[in-house]
C-alpha cells in the first residue's frame, strides 16, 4: 500500500508565483504540478479566480476605510462630549436641589 499524499497548503503569494511561472514564464503545467504536488485542475481554478478578481488590483485605492473610521471616531467623540454635557447639567441641578433643601 502506498502512503496517502500529504496535503500541501499554499498561500496566496505562492499561488500567484505559480501562475506567473505558468502564464508569463511559460513553464509547462506538468512541471509545476510535479514540483508542487498539485493537480492541473487546481492551477486552472486559481487562474479562473485570478482573472475573475484581478480587477480589484487596478481599482483606485481610496481612503474610504480610513475616512469611515475617522467619521466613526468623530461621531463617537461627539456622543461622549454630549453625554458629558448632559451629566454636567444633571450634576449642577442635583447640587442646586441639595442646597435648596439644605443638605450639605
Protein backbone atom coordinates (compact mmCIF):
# COMPACT_ATOMS: atom_id res chain seq x y z
CA UNK A 1 0.00 0.00 0.00
CA UNK A 2 1.19 3.48 -0.75
CA UNK A 3 1.08 6.24 1.82
CA UNK A 4 -1.62 8.87 1.42
CA UNK A 5 -0.29 12.03 -0.16
CA UNK A 6 0.33 14.82 2.31
CA UNK A 7 -1.86 17.79 1.56
CA UNK A 8 0.11 20.82 0.56
CA UNK A 9 -1.33 24.21 1.57
CA UNK A 10 -0.14 27.12 -0.49
CA UNK A 11 -0.71 30.75 0.44
CA UNK A 12 -1.88 33.41 -1.99
CA UNK A 13 1.60 34.64 -2.85
CA UNK A 14 2.74 31.12 -3.67
CA UNK A 15 -0.29 30.56 -5.90
CA UNK A 16 0.39 33.82 -7.76
CA UNK A 17 4.03 32.84 -8.19
CA UNK A 18 3.00 29.50 -9.68
CA UNK A 19 0.52 31.22 -12.01
CA UNK A 20 3.20 33.69 -13.07
CA UNK A 21 5.57 30.89 -13.92
CA UNK A 22 2.81 29.19 -15.91
CA UNK A 23 1.40 32.26 -17.70
CA UNK A 24 4.42 34.55 -18.07
CA UNK A 25 7.47 32.31 -17.93
CA UNK A 26 5.65 29.59 -19.94
CA UNK A 27 6.74 26.83 -17.55
CA UNK A 28 4.85 23.67 -18.54
CA UNK A 29 1.97 22.96 -16.21
CA UNK A 30 3.14 19.36 -15.82
CA UNK A 31 6.47 20.59 -14.44
CA UNK A 32 4.74 22.90 -11.97
CA UNK A 33 2.35 20.17 -10.85
CA UNK A 34 5.20 17.74 -10.28
CA UNK A 35 7.23 20.34 -8.42
CA UNK A 36 4.42 21.43 -6.08
CA UNK A 37 2.45 18.18 -5.88
CA UNK A 38 -0.74 19.72 -7.26
CA UNK A 39 -3.21 18.81 -9.98
CA UNK A 40 -3.51 20.78 -13.25
CA UNK A 41 -7.18 21.43 -12.46
CA UNK A 42 -6.07 23.29 -9.34
CA UNK A 43 -3.85 25.61 -11.38
CA UNK A 44 -6.73 26.26 -13.81
CA UNK A 45 -9.01 27.03 -10.86
CA UNK A 46 -6.51 29.54 -9.46
CA UNK A 47 -6.22 31.10 -12.92
CA UNK A 48 -10.01 31.48 -13.09
CA UNK A 49 -10.11 33.11 -9.65
CA UNK A 50 -7.25 35.43 -10.59
CA UNK A 51 -8.96 36.64 -13.73
CA UNK A 52 -12.36 36.99 -12.04
CA UNK A 53 -10.93 39.06 -9.17
CA UNK A 54 -7.91 40.66 -10.81
CA UNK A 55 -9.74 43.92 -11.46
CA UNK A 56 -9.51 44.72 -7.76
CA UNK A 57 -5.74 45.10 -8.16
CA UNK A 58 -6.33 48.01 -10.53
CA UNK A 59 -9.01 49.81 -8.56
CA UNK A 60 -8.08 53.24 -7.32
CA UNK A 61 -7.22 52.94 -3.69
CA UNK A 62 -9.25 55.34 -1.68
CA UNK A 63 -9.11 56.14 1.95
CA UNK A 64 -12.74 55.10 2.27
CA UNK A 65 -11.93 52.78 5.15
CA UNK A 66 -9.78 55.43 6.81
CA UNK A 67 -12.33 58.16 6.23
CA UNK A 68 -15.11 55.95 7.54
CA UNK A 69 -13.08 55.20 10.65
CA UNK A 70 -12.30 58.87 11.16
CA UNK A 71 -16.00 59.73 10.81
CA UNK A 72 -16.91 56.98 13.27
CA UNK A 73 -14.34 58.23 15.79
CA UNK A 74 -15.56 61.81 15.38
CA UNK A 75 -19.18 60.71 15.87
CA UNK A 76 -18.26 58.76 18.99
CA UNK A 77 -16.27 61.70 20.36
CA UNK A 78 -19.25 63.99 19.74
CA UNK A 79 -21.51 61.50 21.52
CA UNK A 80 -19.17 61.36 24.51
CA UNK A 81 -18.99 65.18 24.60
CA UNK A 82 -22.80 65.40 24.55
CA UNK A 83 -23.02 62.78 27.32
CA UNK A 84 -20.52 64.75 29.43
CA UNK A 85 -22.54 67.94 28.95
CA UNK A 86 -25.76 66.20 29.99
CA UNK A 87 -24.08 64.73 33.07
CA UNK A 88 -22.67 68.15 33.98
CA UNK A 89 -26.13 69.74 33.71
CA UNK A 90 -27.69 66.97 35.82
CA UNK A 91 -24.97 67.29 38.45
CA UNK A 92 -25.46 71.06 38.56
CA UNK A 93 -29.21 70.62 39.05
CA UNK A 94 -28.56 67.99 41.71
CA UNK A 95 -26.23 70.29 43.63
CA UNK A 96 -28.76 73.17 43.40
CA UNK A 97 -31.56 70.93 44.68
CA UNK A 98 -29.43 69.73 47.57
CA UNK A 99 -28.66 73.34 48.52
CA UNK A 100 -32.33 74.26 48.22
CA UNK A 101 -33.41 71.57 50.67
CA UNK A 102 -30.48 72.27 52.97
CA UNK A 103 -28.41 69.14 52.51
CA UNK A 104 -24.66 69.51 52.78
